[in-house]
C-alpha atoms as a PDB file:
ATOM      1  CA  MET A   1     -56.044  -3.596  62.165  1.00  0.00           C
ATOM      2  CA  GLY A   2     -58.631  -0.842  63.018  1.00  0.00           C
ATOM      3  CA  PHE A   3     -56.257   1.997  61.621  1.00  0.00           C
ATOM      4  CA  TYR A   4     -55.937   0.125  58.181  1.00  0.00           C
ATOM      5  CA  VAL A   5     -59.709  -0.699  58.149  1.00  0.00           C
ATOM      6  CA  SER A   6     -60.283   3.058  58.783  1.00  0.00           C
ATOM      7  CA  PHE A   7     -58.668   4.043  55.342  1.00  0.00           C
ATOM      8  CA  GLY A   8     -61.258   1.832  54.099  1.00  0.00           C
ATOM      9  CA  THR A   9     -63.964   3.524  55.785  1.00  0.00           C
ATOM     10  CA  VAL A  10     -63.006   6.910  54.424  1.00  0.00           C
ATOM     11  CA  LEU A  11     -62.641   5.438  50.964  1.00  0.00           C
ATOM     12  CA  LEU A  12     -66.009   4.044  51.340  1.00  0.00           C
ATOM     13  CA  LEU A  13     -67.397   7.193  52.550  1.00  0.00           C
ATOM     14  CA  LEU A  14     -66.348   9.167  49.295  1.00  0.00           C
ATOM     15  CA  ALA A  15     -67.352   6.275  46.943  1.00  0.00           C
ATOM     16  CA  ILE A  16     -71.139   6.529  48.268  1.00  0.00           C
ATOM     17  CA  THR A  17     -71.327  10.004  49.076  1.00  0.00           C
ATOM     18  CA  ALA A  18     -70.000  11.626  45.667  1.00  0.00           C
ATOM     19  CA  PRO A  19     -72.514  10.016  43.779  1.00  0.00           C
ATOM     20  CA  LEU A  20     -75.491  10.618  46.122  1.00  0.00           C
ATOM     21  CA  ALA A  21     -74.403  14.086  46.660  1.00  0.00           C
ATOM     22  CA  MET A  22     -74.388  14.432  42.728  1.00  0.00           C
ATOM     23  CA  ALA A  23     -78.077  12.917  42.722  1.00  0.00           C
ATOM     24  CA  PHE A  24     -79.099  15.896  45.454  1.00  0.00           C
ATOM     25  CA  GLY A  25     -77.094  18.309  43.458  1.00  0.00           C
ATOM     26  CA  MET A  26     -78.994  17.513  40.250  1.00  0.00           C
ATOM     27  CA  GLY A  27     -82.347  17.309  41.841  1.00  0.00           C
ATOM     28  CA  GLY A  28     -81.533  20.522  43.516  1.00  0.00           C
ATOM     29  CA  ALA A  29     -80.402  22.258  40.253  1.00  0.00           C
ATOM     30  CA  ILE A  30     -83.568  21.100  38.383  1.00  0.00           C
ATOM     31  CA  ALA A  31     -85.852  22.482  41.089  1.00  0.00           C
ATOM     32  CA  ALA A  32     -84.088  25.823  41.074  1.00  0.00           C
ATOM     33  CA  ARG A  33     -84.681  26.367  37.541  1.00  0.00           C
ATOM     34  CA  SER A  34     -88.272  25.298  37.195  1.00  0.00           C
ATOM     35  CA  LYS A  35     -90.888  27.347  35.958  1.00  0.00           C
ATOM     36  CA  ILE A  36     -93.039  26.049  38.885  1.00  0.00           C
ATOM     37  CA  LEU A  37     -92.668  28.733  41.592  1.00  0.00           C
ATOM     38  CA  LEU A  38     -93.072  26.461  44.797  1.00  0.00           C
ATOM     39  CA  LEU A  39     -90.516  24.074  43.306  1.00  0.00           C
ATOM     40  CA  SER A  40     -88.084  26.809  42.286  1.00  0.00           C
ATOM     41  CA  TRP A  41     -88.411  28.283  46.033  1.00  0.00           C
ATOM     42  CA  PHE A  42     -87.792  24.751  47.406  1.00  0.00           C
ATOM     43  CA  GLY A  43     -84.611  24.349  45.180  1.00  0.00           C
ATOM     44  CA  LYS A  44     -83.145  27.692  45.815  1.00  0.00           C
ATOM     45  CA  GLY A  45     -84.073  27.452  49.436  1.00  0.00           C
ATOM     46  CA  TYR A  46     -82.112  24.328  49.896  1.00  0.00           C
ATOM     47  CA  ILE A  47     -78.923  25.688  48.010  1.00  0.00           C
ATOM     48  CA  ALA A  48     -79.110  29.075  50.100  1.00  0.00           C
ATOM     49  CA  ILE A  49     -79.742  27.483  53.201  1.00  0.00           C
ATOM     50  CA  VAL A  50     -77.267  24.553  53.508  1.00  0.00           C
ATOM     51  CA  ARG A  51     -74.610  26.729  51.923  1.00  0.00           C
ATOM     52  CA  GLY A  52     -75.023  29.397  54.616  1.00  0.00           C
ATOM     53  CA  VAL A  53     -74.842  27.193  57.382  1.00  0.00           C
ATOM     54  CA  PRO A  54     -71.283  26.463  58.895  1.00  0.00           C
ATOM     55  CA  ASP A  55     -70.670  22.963  57.706  1.00  0.00           C
ATOM     56  CA  ILE A  56     -69.591  21.850  61.297  1.00  0.00           C
ATOM     57  CA  ALA A  57     -72.635  23.344  62.839  1.00  0.00           C
ATOM     58  CA  PHE A  58     -74.683  21.582  60.105  1.00  0.00           C
ATOM     59  CA  PHE A  59     -72.840  18.288  60.875  1.00  0.00           C
ATOM     60  CA  LEU A  60     -73.547  18.578  64.605  1.00  0.00           C
ATOM     61  CA  PHE A  61     -76.800  19.544  64.496  1.00  0.00           C
ATOM     62  CA  PHE A  62     -78.389  17.675  61.621  1.00  0.00           C
ATOM     63  CA  VAL A  63     -77.044  14.069  62.705  1.00  0.00           C
ATOM     64  CA  ILE A  64     -78.821  14.294  66.066  1.00  0.00           C
ATOM     65  CA  ALA A  65     -81.969  15.919  64.551  1.00  0.00           C
ATOM     66  CA  LEU A  66     -82.169  13.226  62.198  1.00  0.00           C
ATOM     67  CA  ASP A  67     -81.559  10.309  64.553  1.00  0.00           C
ATOM     68  CA  GLN A  68     -83.946  11.719  67.123  1.00  0.00           C
ATOM     69  CA  GLY A  69     -86.752  12.435  64.104  1.00  0.00           C
ATOM     70  CA  ILE A  70     -86.332   8.761  63.113  1.00  0.00           C
ATOM     71  CA  GLU A  71     -86.743   7.503  66.644  1.00  0.00           C
ATOM     72  CA  LEU A  72     -89.520   9.938  67.274  1.00  0.00           C
ATOM     73  CA  LEU A  73     -91.404   8.387  64.238  1.00  0.00           C
ATOM     74  CA  ARG A  74     -90.897   4.850  65.331  1.00  0.00           C
ATOM     75  CA  HIS A  75     -91.754   5.761  68.741  1.00  0.00           C
ATOM     76  CA  LYS A  76     -95.328   7.102  67.523  1.00  0.00           C
ATOM     77  CA  ILE A  77     -95.835   3.902  65.696  1.00  0.00           C
ATOM     78  CA  LYS A  78     -94.641   1.249  68.314  1.00  0.00           C
ATOM     79  CA  CYS A  79     -95.513   2.735  71.103  1.00  0.00           C
ATOM     80  CA  PRO A  80     -98.747   4.903  70.963  1.00  0.00           C
ATOM     81  CA  ASN A  81     -99.798   4.766  74.564  1.00  0.00           C
ATOM     82  CA  TRP A  82     -96.307   5.875  76.054  1.00  0.00           C
ATOM     83  CA  PRO A  83     -97.490   7.750  79.094  1.00  0.00           C
ATOM     84  CA  ASP A  84     -94.490   9.995  79.654  1.00  0.00           C
ATOM     85  CA  ALA A  85     -93.014  12.978  77.962  1.00  0.00           C
ATOM     86  CA  ILE A  86     -90.688  12.164  75.001  1.00  0.00           C
ATOM     87  CA  ARG A  87     -88.610  15.478  75.881  1.00  0.00           C
ATOM     88  CA  GLN A  88     -87.841  15.862  79.607  1.00  0.00           C
ATOM     89  CA  GLY A  89     -85.485  18.919  80.054  1.00  0.00           C
ATOM     90  CA  SER A  90     -82.336  18.440  77.828  1.00  0.00           C
ATOM     91  CA  ASP A  91     -82.999  14.485  77.768  1.00  0.00           C
ATOM     92  CA  PHE A  92     -84.920  12.984  74.735  1.00  0.00           C
ATOM     93  CA  ILE A  93     -86.493   9.520  75.988  1.00  0.00           C
ATOM     94  CA  VAL A  94     -88.177   7.089  73.650  1.00  0.00           C
ATOM     95  CA  CYS A  95     -89.572   3.326  74.382  1.00  0.00           C
ATOM     96  CA  ALA A  96     -86.789   0.695  73.745  1.00  0.00           C
ATOM     97  CA  GLU A  97     -88.646  -0.588  70.925  1.00  0.00           C
ATOM     98  CA  ALA A  98     -88.182   2.653  69.072  1.00  0.00           C
ATOM     99  CA  LYS A  99     -84.340   3.160  69.478  1.00  0.00           C
ATOM    100  CA  MET A 100     -82.379   3.221  66.487  1.00  0.00           C
ATOM    101  CA  PRO A 101     -80.280   0.705  66.392  1.00  0.00           C
ATOM    102  CA  LEU A 102     -82.250  -1.617  69.216  1.00  0.00           C
ATOM    103  CA  GLY A 103     -80.119  -1.396  72.463  1.00  0.00           C
ATOM    104  CA  ASN A 104     -79.424  -5.048  72.233  1.00  0.00           C
ATOM    105  CA  SER A 105     -77.957  -4.973  69.021  1.00  0.00           C
ATOM    106  CA  PRO A 106     -74.620  -5.924  68.243  1.00  0.00           C
ATOM    107  CA  GLN A 107     -71.980  -3.093  67.963  1.00  0.00           C
ATOM    108  CA  TRP A 108     -71.151  -3.321  64.249  1.00  0.00           C
ATOM    109  CA  MET A 109     -75.017  -2.401  63.966  1.00  0.00           C
ATOM    110  CA  HIS A 110     -74.567   0.810  65.947  1.00  0.00           C
ATOM    111  CA  GLU A 111     -71.601   1.668  63.911  1.00  0.00           C
ATOM    112  CA  THR A 112     -73.151   0.880  60.497  1.00  0.00           C
ATOM    113  CA  TYR A 113     -76.243   3.138  61.419  1.00  0.00           C
ATOM    114  CA  GLY A 114     -73.857   5.985  62.467  1.00  0.00           C
ATOM    115  CA  PHE A 115     -71.956   5.709  59.388  1.00  0.00           C
ATOM    116  CA  PHE A 116     -74.964   5.927  56.875  1.00  0.00           C
ATOM    117  CA  ILE A 117     -76.325   8.654  58.971  1.00  0.00           C
ATOM    118  CA  ALA A 118     -73.029  10.555  58.409  1.00  0.00           C
ATOM    119  CA  ILE A 119     -73.072   9.777  54.674  1.00  0.00           C
ATOM    120  CA  PHE A 120     -76.828  11.096  54.277  1.00  0.00           C
ATOM    121  CA  THR A 121     -75.463  14.290  55.896  1.00  0.00           C
ATOM    122  CA  PHE A 122     -72.450  14.633  53.972  1.00  0.00           C
ATOM    123  CA  ALA A 123     -74.512  14.163  50.850  1.00  0.00           C
ATOM    124  CA  ILE A 124     -77.118  16.785  51.914  1.00  0.00           C
ATOM    125  CA  VAL A 125     -74.190  19.341  52.474  1.00  0.00           C
ATOM    126  CA  PHE A 126     -72.431  18.585  49.528  1.00  0.00           C
ATOM    127  CA  GLY A 127     -75.649  18.181  47.501  1.00  0.00           C
ATOM    128  CA  ALA A 128     -76.290  21.988  47.986  1.00  0.00           C
ATOM    129  CA  PHE A 129     -72.906  22.976  46.813  1.00  0.00           C
ATOM    130  CA  ALA A 130     -72.923  20.749  43.714  1.00  0.00           C
ATOM    131  CA  ALA A 131     -76.663  21.921  43.040  1.00  0.00           C
ATOM    132  CA  ASN A 132     -75.092  25.590  42.770  1.00  0.00           C
ATOM    133  CA  VAL A 133     -72.189  24.570  40.630  1.00  0.00           C
ATOM    134  CA  LEU A 134     -74.541  22.457  38.342  1.00  0.00           C
ATOM    135  CA  LEU A 135     -77.265  25.432  38.236  1.00  0.00           C
ATOM    136  CA  GLY A 136     -74.490  27.914  37.001  1.00  0.00           C
ATOM    137  CA  ALA A 137     -73.247  25.366  34.118  1.00  0.00           C
ATOM    138  CA  MET A 138     -76.882  25.097  33.017  1.00  0.00           C
ATOM    139  CA  ARG A 139     -77.072  28.790  32.680  1.00  0.00           C
ATOM    140  CA  ALA A 140     -73.724  28.867  31.031  1.00  0.00           C
ATOM    141  CA  VAL A 141     -74.864  26.716  28.056  1.00  0.00           C
ATOM    142  CA  PRO A 142     -74.906  29.402  25.180  1.00  0.00           C
ATOM    143  CA  ARG A 143     -78.457  30.485  24.442  1.00  0.00           C
ATOM    144  CA  ALA A 144     -78.031  29.900  20.648  1.00  0.00           C
ATOM    145  CA  GLN A 145     -77.748  26.122  21.433  1.00  0.00           C
ATOM    146  CA  VAL A 146     -81.114  25.976  23.275  1.00  0.00           C
ATOM    147  CA  GLU A 147     -82.821  28.394  20.552  1.00  0.00           C
ATOM    148  CA  THR A 148     -81.590  26.085  17.717  1.00  0.00           C
ATOM    149  CA  ALA A 149     -83.095  22.943  19.508  1.00  0.00           C
ATOM    150  CA  GLU A 150     -86.175  24.797  19.822  1.00  0.00           C
ATOM    151  CA  SER A 151     -86.553  25.706  16.340  1.00  0.00           C
ATOM    152  CA  TYR A 152     -85.895  22.122  15.345  1.00  0.00           C
ATOM    153  CA  GLY A 153     -89.411  21.367  17.680  1.00  0.00           C
ATOM    154  CA  MET A 154     -87.594  20.080  20.502  1.00  0.00           C
ATOM    155  CA  THR A 155     -89.586  20.094  23.812  1.00  0.00           C
ATOM    156  CA  SER A 156     -88.341  21.767  26.965  1.00  0.00           C
ATOM    157  CA  ARG A 157     -87.578  18.354  28.501  1.00  0.00           C
ATOM    158  CA  GLN A 158     -85.902  17.370  25.255  1.00  0.00           C
ATOM    159  CA  THR A 159     -83.735  20.318  25.046  1.00  0.00           C
ATOM    160  CA  PHE A 160     -82.705  20.184  28.636  1.00  0.00           C
ATOM    161  CA  TRP A 161     -81.788  16.424  28.329  1.00  0.00           C
ATOM    162  CA  ARG A 162     -80.267  16.325  25.018  1.00  0.00           C
ATOM    163  CA  ILE A 163     -78.866  19.939  24.709  1.00  0.00           C
ATOM    164  CA  ILE A 164     -78.397  21.330  28.136  1.00  0.00           C
ATOM    165  CA  VAL A 165     -77.139  18.186  30.206  1.00  0.00           C
ATOM    166  CA  PRO A 166     -74.575  16.980  27.523  1.00  0.00           C
ATOM    167  CA  GLN A 167     -72.910  20.518  27.259  1.00  0.00           C
ATOM    168  CA  MET A 168     -73.109  21.648  30.816  1.00  0.00           C
ATOM    169  CA  TRP A 169     -70.332  19.386  32.247  1.00  0.00           C
ATOM    170  CA  VAL A 170     -67.408  21.088  30.716  1.00  0.00           C
ATOM    171  CA  TYR A 171     -68.749  24.304  32.551  1.00  0.00           C
ATOM    172  CA  ALA A 172     -69.375  22.339  35.610  1.00  0.00           C
ATOM    173  CA  LEU A 173     -66.247  20.180  36.006  1.00  0.00           C
ATOM    174  CA  PRO A 174     -63.942  22.757  37.606  1.00  0.00           C
ATOM    175  CA  GLY A 175     -66.339  23.689  40.148  1.00  0.00           C
ATOM    176  CA  LEU A 176     -67.286  19.889  40.966  1.00  0.00           C
ATOM    177  CA  GLY A 177     -63.436  19.171  40.802  1.00  0.00           C
ATOM    178  CA  ASN A 178     -63.254  21.881  43.462  1.00  0.00           C
ATOM    179  CA  LEU A 179     -65.789  20.295  45.712  1.00  0.00           C
ATOM    180  CA  TRP A 180     -64.547  16.819  45.267  1.00  0.00           C
ATOM    181  CA  MET A 181     -61.241  18.113  46.840  1.00  0.00           C
ATOM    182  CA  VAL A 182     -63.423  19.692  49.640  1.00  0.00           C
ATOM    183  CA  LEU A 183     -65.146  16.658  50.259  1.00  0.00           C
ATOM    184  CA  ILE A 184     -61.959  14.571  50.574  1.00  0.00           C
ATOM    185  CA  LYS A 185     -60.689  17.243  53.229  1.00  0.00           C
ATOM    186  CA  ALA A 186     -64.058  17.025  55.203  1.00  0.00           C
ATOM    187  CA  THR A 187     -63.772  13.347  55.844  1.00  0.00           C
ATOM    188  CA  PRO A 188     -62.206  13.966  59.344  1.00  0.00           C
ATOM    189  CA  LEU A 189     -65.404  15.346  60.331  1.00  0.00           C
ATOM    190  CA  LEU A 190     -66.497  11.652  60.889  1.00  0.00           C
ATOM    191  CA  PHE A 191     -64.098  11.791  63.926  1.00  0.00           C
ATOM    192  CA  LEU A 192     -66.362  14.739  65.397  1.00  0.00           C
ATOM    193  CA  LEU A 193     -69.479  12.058  64.552  1.00  0.00           C
ATOM    194  CA  GLY A 194     -68.226   9.509  66.960  1.00  0.00           C
ATOM    195  CA  ILE A 195     -67.202   7.129  63.940  1.00  0.00           C
ATOM    196  CA  GLU A 196     -63.651   5.468  64.381  1.00  0.00           C
ATOM    197  CA  ASP A 197     -62.024   6.932  61.239  1.00  0.00           C
ATOM    198  CA  ILE A 198     -58.188   7.340  60.571  1.00  0.00           C
ATOM    199  CA  VAL A 199     -58.083  10.506  62.856  1.00  0.00           C
ATOM    200  CA  TYR A 200     -59.599   8.709  65.646  1.00  0.00           C
ATOM    201  CA  TRP A 201     -57.064   5.658  65.384  1.00  0.00           C
ATOM    202  CA  ALA A 202     -54.066   8.106  64.582  1.00  0.00           C
ATOM    203  CA  ARG A 203     -54.950  10.003  68.083  1.00  0.00           C
ATOM    204  CA  GLU A 204     -55.639   6.841  69.965  1.00  0.00           C
ATOM    205  CA  LEU A 205     -52.657   4.646  68.644  1.00  0.00           C
ATOM    206  CA  GLY A 206     -50.324   7.597  69.043  1.00  0.00           C
ATOM    207  CA  ALA A 207     -51.256   8.159  72.460  1.00  0.00           C
ATOM    208  CA  THR A 208     -50.870   4.565  73.586  1.00  0.00           C
ATOM    209  CA  LYS A 209     -47.294   4.195  72.239  1.00  0.00           C
ATOM    210  CA  THR A 210     -45.068   5.506  75.160  1.00  0.00           C
ATOM    211  CA  PRO A 211     -41.352   4.339  74.154  1.00  0.00           C
ATOM    212  CA  GLN A 212     -39.708   7.069  72.068  1.00  0.00           C
ATOM    213  CA  PHE A 213     -38.864   6.170  68.505  1.00  0.00           C
ATOM    214  CA  THR A 214     -36.970   9.476  68.192  1.00  0.00           C
ATOM    215  CA  ALA A 215     -36.771  12.624  70.190  1.00  0.00           C
ATOM    216  CA  TYR A 216     -36.703  14.865  67.071  1.00  0.00           C
ATOM    217  CA  PRO A 217     -38.591  16.776  66.713  1.00  0.00           C
ATOM    218  CA  HIS A 218     -40.412  15.534  69.596  1.00  0.00           C
ATOM    219  CA  GLY A 219     -41.211  11.913  71.113  1.00  0.00           C
ATOM    220  CA  ASP A 220     -45.096  12.106  70.640  1.00  0.00           C
ATOM    221  CA  TRP A 221     -45.713   9.057  68.347  1.00  0.00           C
ATOM    222  CA  ARG A 222     -48.907  10.746  67.235  1.00  0.00           C
ATOM    223  CA  MET A 223     -46.915  12.982  64.943  1.00  0.00           C
ATOM    224  CA  TRP A 224     -45.802  10.088  62.747  1.00  0.00           C
ATOM    225  CA  TYR A 225     -49.507   8.837  62.578  1.00  0.00           C
ATOM    226  CA  PHE A 226     -50.688  12.149  61.442  1.00  0.00           C
ATOM    227  CA  LEU A 227     -47.752  12.300  59.075  1.00  0.00           C
ATOM    228  CA  THR A 228     -49.050   9.300  57.682  1.00  0.00           C
ATOM    229  CA  LEU A 229     -52.450  10.865  57.216  1.00  0.00           C
ATOM    230  CA  LEU A 230     -50.604  13.739  55.644  1.00  0.00           C
ATOM    231  CA  VAL A 231     -49.120  11.573  52.814  1.00  0.00           C
ATOM    232  CA  PHE A 232     -52.419   9.843  52.348  1.00  0.00           C
ATOM    233  CA  TYR A 233     -54.232  12.979  51.536  1.00  0.00           C
ATOM    234  CA  LEU A 234     -51.704  14.438  49.648  1.00  0.00           C
ATOM    235  CA  SER A 235     -51.415  11.454  47.529  1.00  0.00           C
ATOM    236  CA  PHE A 236     -55.322  10.963  47.244  1.00  0.00           C
ATOM    237  CA  THR A 237     -55.657  14.534  46.077  1.00  0.00           C
ATOM    238  CA  LYS A 238     -52.813  14.401  43.581  1.00  0.00           C
ATOM    239  CA  ILE A 239     -54.297  11.370  41.934  1.00  0.00           C
ATOM    240  CA  SER A 240     -57.654  13.195  41.971  1.00  0.00           C
ATOM    241  CA  GLU A 241     -55.912  16.009  40.322  1.00  0.00           C
ATOM    242  CA  ILE A 242     -54.649  13.838  37.456  1.00  0.00           C
ATOM    243  CA  ILE A 243     -58.046  12.034  36.717  1.00  0.00           C
ATOM    244  CA  LEU A 244     -60.109  15.444  36.744  1.00  0.00           C
ATOM    245  CA  HIS A 245     -57.576  16.970  34.362  1.00  0.00           C
ATOM    246  CA  SER A 246     -57.789  13.850  31.801  1.00  0.00           C
ATOM    247  CA  ALA A 247     -61.457  14.362  32.239  1.00  0.00           C
ATOM    248  CA  MET A 248     -61.327  17.982  31.445  1.00  0.00           C
ATOM    249  CA  ILE A 249     -59.433  17.398  28.301  1.00  0.00           C
ATOM    250  CA  ARG A 250     -61.818  14.896  27.208  1.00  0.00           C
ATOM    251  CA  LEU A 251     -64.914  17.160  27.540  1.00  0.00           C
ATOM    252  CA  THR A 252     -63.433  20.156  26.208  1.00  0.00           C
ATOM    253  CA  ARG A 253     -62.513  18.440  22.861  1.00  0.00           C
ATOM    254  CA  GLY A 254     -64.664  20.045  20.007  1.00  0.00           C
ATOM    255  CA  GLN A 255     -66.599  22.451  22.606  1.00  0.00           C
ATOM    256  CA  ALA A 256     -66.620  26.172  21.943  1.00  0.00           C
ATOM    257  CA  THR A 257     -64.455  27.087  25.084  1.00  0.00           C
ATOM    258  CA  SER A 258     -60.947  28.178  25.565  1.00  0.00           C
ATOM    259  CA  GLY A 259     -59.853  24.590  26.289  1.00  0.00           C
ATOM    260  CA  GLY A 260     -61.554  23.220  23.275  1.00  0.00           C
ATOM    261  CA  GLU A 261     -60.332  26.038  21.028  1.00  0.00           C
ATOM    262  CA  ALA A 262     -56.946  25.385  22.664  1.00  0.00           C
ATOM    263  CA  GLN A 263     -57.055  21.955  21.458  1.00  0.00           C
ATOM    264  CA  ARG A 264     -57.854  22.805  17.730  1.00  0.00           C
ATOM    265  CA  ARG A 265     -55.423  25.240  17.366  1.00  0.00           C
ATOM    266  CA  THR A 266     -52.756  22.560  18.623  1.00  0.00           C
ATOM    267  CA  ALA A 267     -54.151  20.112  16.017  1.00  0.00           C
ATOM    268  CA  GLU A 268     -53.635  22.284  13.574  1.00  0.00           C
END
C-alpha cells in the first residue's frame, strides 16, 4: 500500500508546489522590475542566486538550514536559559521543547513536517526559474500596448495588471511548460530528502523480492518497479503536453504572435 500511496504523494507535491512556485515567481518578477532599487536588487538577486546553485546542492543544504533555523528560533523562545552551546562540533543540539516535531510526536507528523519542508524548498527553487520566465514575458509585451494604455490615462499599476499581465501569458507559457516538465522530473529528489516516495518504495520492494519472475534481462525485481515508474512519468508528461498545447492554442487566439497569425490565416 505504501507504494501505491507514494504515487499520491508525488501528485500532491506537484499540486501544491506548482501554484506556490508561481506565487514566488510572480513576486520575484514584480520585485525585479520594480523602480525601487532595493526591491529590484532583491528580486534579481533571488533569481540569480537560486538559478546559479545546482538543484541537488540547494535541496540538500536548504532543507537542513531551514529545519535548523526553525528549531533555533523555537529554542530562543522556549529555552532562553539553556546553559550549553547549541553547536557542539558538527552536532546541532537544542532543548527537547524546541524540536520540530517533538520527539514524542507520532511518525505521521514527522513525515508531514518533512514533506512540507520539501514543498517549500521546491517552491523556492522553481519559483526563481518561474520568476525569470515571467520577467522575460513581461518585457516581451509590445511597448506600443503600454504606451497606448498610458495615453488613455492609466496609472502604472493599472497598466501592469490590465495590459501587461493578461498579455504576458502567451509569451510565458512555453517557458512555464518546460519548467513544469522539469518539476515532474525533479520529484524523485524527495527520495534524497528522506521522504518515502515512489523511488524509495520501488527500491525497497524490489530488493525484498528474491524469487525470480524471469531471468530476462535479469532477475532483479527492482527493474520491474522502476519500469513502472518509467511508464508513470512518460504518461504524465504526455498528458501534460496535451494540456499545455491546448492552453497555448487558447491563449494565442487573437494575439499578435506567430501562433495567433496562423490561427487567423486558417480561419480565412
